Amino acid sequence: MEGNGGTRPAAADVRRRPRQMTGAGLRGPWLRSLLVAAIFLTAGCTDGGSAPHPPSAMDVTLESPNGPEGALLVELDGTVGSAETATGHLFRHQAEGRTQLLLVLETAGEIRFRLGVPDGASPPDYRIIEVSGPDDRLRDDLSAYRLSFQPPGEP
């Protein structure tokens, strides 16, 4: 303890106890959505909600057999020029010729978003990875879920 007046222990004597995480601070209706969003953010996702409308676009709607939903994770073949939504939060990750989109609504409802696509492009092939219901629980069976692709402004 030389040089510090004997009032503080040497650096080697200081032991830090790791903080313990308990489940109590992590509960809530958005736990699953936040965890998925955190995974995407650490993988280099970008928030696609602020992009301007592209010259060519497609409106995409999740067709759900269960009515209102809380979140969608979908993988599209190819890269997407832009992705945006008027409701909720949209995150995008592009790698190896695929684009993953995570859309999380603040209040359960119809999941809709707009994709920027090259002129004359057809709808991309896709795979629905996860859907979360209004209770923030993942749906067990995704076989009846579909994405509907329409030009902007069409029903």
Protein backbone atom coordinates (compact mmCIF):
# COMPACT_ATOMS: atom_id res chain seq x y z
CA MET A 1 0.00 0.00 0.00
CA GLU A 2 2.94 2.17 -0.54
CA GLY A 3 2.35 5.51 -2.25
CA ASN A 4 -1.36 5.85 -1.47
CA GLY A 5 -1.06 6.76 2.20
CA GLY A 6 -2.32 3.40 3.36
CA THR A 7 -5.95 4.44 3.00
CA ARG A 8 -6.90 2.41 -0.05
CA PRO A 9 -6.07 -1.20 -0.82
CA ALA A 10 -3.79 -1.97 -3.75
CA ALA A 11 -5.53 -2.59 -7.07
CA ALA A 12 -4.88 -6.34 -6.84
CA ASP A 13 -6.80 -6.47 -3.55
CA VAL A 14 -9.95 -4.91 -4.96
CA ARG A 15 -12.44 -7.61 -5.85
CA ARG A 16 -15.55 -6.82 -7.79
CA ARG A 17 -18.57 -8.96 -7.35
CA PRO A 18 -20.46 -9.67 -10.58
CA ARG A 19 -23.96 -8.28 -10.75
CA GLN A 20 -26.59 -10.93 -10.63
CA MET A 21 -29.41 -10.74 -13.15
CA THR A 22 -32.77 -11.80 -11.89
CA GLY A 23 -35.80 -12.45 -14.01
CA ALA A 24 -37.85 -9.87 -12.11
CA GLY A 25 -36.36 -6.91 -13.99
CA LEU A 26 -36.83 -8.53 -17.38
CA ARG A 27 -40.54 -9.31 -17.26
CA GLY A 28 -43.12 -7.52 -19.29
CA PRO A 29 -45.16 -7.78 -22.44
CA TRP A 30 -42.28 -6.78 -24.73
CA LEU A 31 -39.61 -9.18 -23.47
CA ARG A 32 -39.57 -11.44 -26.51
CA SER A 33 -39.76 -8.55 -28.96
CA LEU A 34 -36.97 -6.69 -27.21
CA LEU A 35 -34.75 -9.77 -27.18
CA VAL A 36 -35.26 -10.36 -30.89
CA ALA A 37 -34.66 -6.67 -31.62
CA ALA A 38 -31.47 -6.74 -29.53
CA ILE A 39 -30.18 -9.70 -31.52
CA PHE A 40 -30.84 -7.86 -34.77
CA LEU A 41 -29.25 -4.65 -33.53
CA THR A 42 -26.07 -6.40 -32.48
CA ALA A 43 -25.94 -8.06 -35.91
CA GLY A 44 -25.78 -4.72 -37.73
CA CYS A 45 -29.44 -4.02 -38.41
CA THR A 46 -30.63 -0.63 -39.46
CA ASP A 47 -33.88 1.07 -38.61
CA GLY A 48 -35.77 1.22 -41.90
CA GLY A 49 -38.61 3.44 -40.69
CA SER A 50 -37.26 6.76 -41.95
CA ALA A 51 -36.50 5.99 -45.61
CA PRO A 52 -38.33 8.05 -48.25
CA HIS A 53 -40.75 6.33 -50.63
CA PRO A 54 -38.79 4.66 -53.44
CA PRO A 55 -39.72 5.16 -57.10
CA SER A 56 -41.11 1.60 -57.17
CA ALA A 57 -42.66 0.04 -54.13
CA MET A 58 -44.84 -2.80 -52.90
CA ASP A 59 -47.20 -2.69 -49.95
CA VAL A 60 -46.89 -5.90 -47.96
CA THR A 61 -49.53 -7.20 -45.54
CA LEU A 62 -49.34 -10.21 -43.27
CA GLU A 63 -52.40 -12.39 -43.84
CA SER A 64 -53.07 -13.88 -40.40
CA PRO A 65 -55.58 -16.61 -39.57
CA ASN A 66 -55.61 -15.30 -36.00
CA GLY A 67 -56.45 -11.62 -36.54
CA PRO A 68 -54.32 -8.89 -34.93
CA GLU A 69 -50.66 -9.73 -34.37
CA GLY A 70 -47.85 -8.13 -32.38
CA ALA A 71 -44.66 -8.85 -34.35
CA LEU A 72 -43.31 -10.47 -37.52
CA LEU A 73 -39.87 -11.78 -38.44
CA VAL A 74 -39.58 -12.59 -42.16
CA GLU A 75 -36.72 -13.41 -44.52
CA LEU A 76 -36.89 -12.24 -48.15
CA ASP A 77 -34.73 -13.55 -50.99
CA GLY A 78 -32.60 -10.79 -52.43
CA THR A 79 -31.80 -7.35 -51.14
CA VAL A 80 -34.41 -4.69 -50.50
CA GLY A 81 -33.83 -1.07 -51.46
CA SER A 82 -35.84 0.26 -48.53
CA ALA A 83 -38.38 -0.87 -45.98
CA GLU A 84 -40.69 1.34 -43.95
CA THR A 85 -43.83 1.25 -41.87
CA ALA A 86 -46.27 3.83 -40.56
CA THR A 87 -46.93 1.84 -37.38
CA GLY A 88 -44.49 0.12 -35.06
CA HIS A 89 -40.76 -0.35 -35.46
CA LEU A 90 -39.07 -1.95 -38.46
CA PHE A 91 -35.55 -3.33 -38.40
CA ARG A 92 -33.67 -4.66 -41.43
CA HIS A 93 -30.61 -6.86 -41.84
CA GLN A 94 -29.13 -7.79 -45.22
CA ALA A 95 -26.51 -10.51 -45.73
CA GLU A 96 -25.65 -13.22 -48.25
CA GLY A 97 -28.36 -12.23 -50.74
CA ARG A 98 -31.17 -12.25 -48.16
CA THR A 99 -33.00 -9.57 -46.22
CA GLN A 100 -34.49 -10.15 -42.79
CA LEU A 101 -37.16 -7.76 -41.54
CA LEU A 102 -38.42 -7.51 -37.97
CA LEU A 103 -41.60 -5.51 -37.48
CA VAL A 104 -42.79 -4.91 -33.91
CA LEU A 105 -46.10 -3.14 -33.31
CA GLU A 106 -46.68 -1.17 -30.13
CA THR A 107 -50.33 -2.25 -30.13
CA ALA A 108 -51.43 -5.46 -31.79
CA GLY A 109 -53.04 -4.99 -35.19
CA GLU A 110 -52.60 -5.54 -38.91
CA ILE A 111 -48.94 -5.90 -39.86
CA ARG A 112 -48.20 -3.81 -42.96
CA PHE A 113 -45.03 -2.38 -44.44
CA ARG A 114 -43.70 -1.00 -47.72
CA LEU A 115 -40.74 -2.39 -49.67
CA GLY A 116 -38.66 -0.45 -52.13
CA VAL A 117 -38.06 -2.64 -55.18
CA PRO A 118 -36.46 -2.19 -58.62
CA ASP A 119 -38.81 -1.08 -61.39
CA GLY A 120 -40.83 -4.00 -62.73
CA ALA A 121 -39.70 -6.40 -60.00
CA SER A 122 -41.95 -9.26 -58.97
CA PRO A 123 -42.61 -10.01 -55.29
CA PRO A 124 -39.64 -11.70 -53.64
CA ASP A 125 -39.72 -15.24 -52.34
CA TYR A 126 -40.03 -15.19 -48.55
CA ARG A 127 -40.03 -17.32 -45.43
CA ILE A 128 -42.00 -16.33 -42.34
CA ILE A 129 -39.70 -17.14 -39.42
CA GLU A 130 -41.74 -16.01 -36.40
CA VAL A 131 -45.06 -14.33 -35.61
CA SER A 132 -45.94 -13.04 -32.18
CA GLY A 133 -49.57 -12.68 -31.14
CA PRO A 134 -51.12 -9.75 -29.26
CA ASP A 135 -50.13 -11.50 -26.01
CA ASP A 136 -46.44 -11.46 -27.10
CA ARG A 137 -46.34 -15.25 -27.40
CA LEU A 138 -44.89 -16.88 -30.48
CA ARG A 139 -47.36 -18.66 -32.71
CA ASP A 140 -46.82 -22.43 -32.84
CA ASP A 141 -48.09 -23.08 -36.37
CA LEU A 142 -47.13 -20.67 -39.16
CA SER A 143 -48.42 -22.78 -42.05
CA ALA A 144 -51.53 -20.62 -42.64
CA TYR A 145 -49.66 -17.28 -42.62
CA ARG A 146 -48.96 -15.54 -45.93
CA LEU A 147 -47.63 -12.22 -47.16
CA SER A 148 -49.72 -10.27 -49.65
CA PHE A 149 -47.80 -7.98 -52.06
CA GLN A 150 -49.68 -5.10 -53.74
CA PRO A 151 -48.70 -1.91 -55.59
CA PRO A 152 -49.04 1.10 -53.25
CA GLY A 153 -52.59 2.32 -52.77
CA GLU A 154 -54.37 -0.85 -53.93
CA PRO A 155 -56.63 -2.73 -51.49
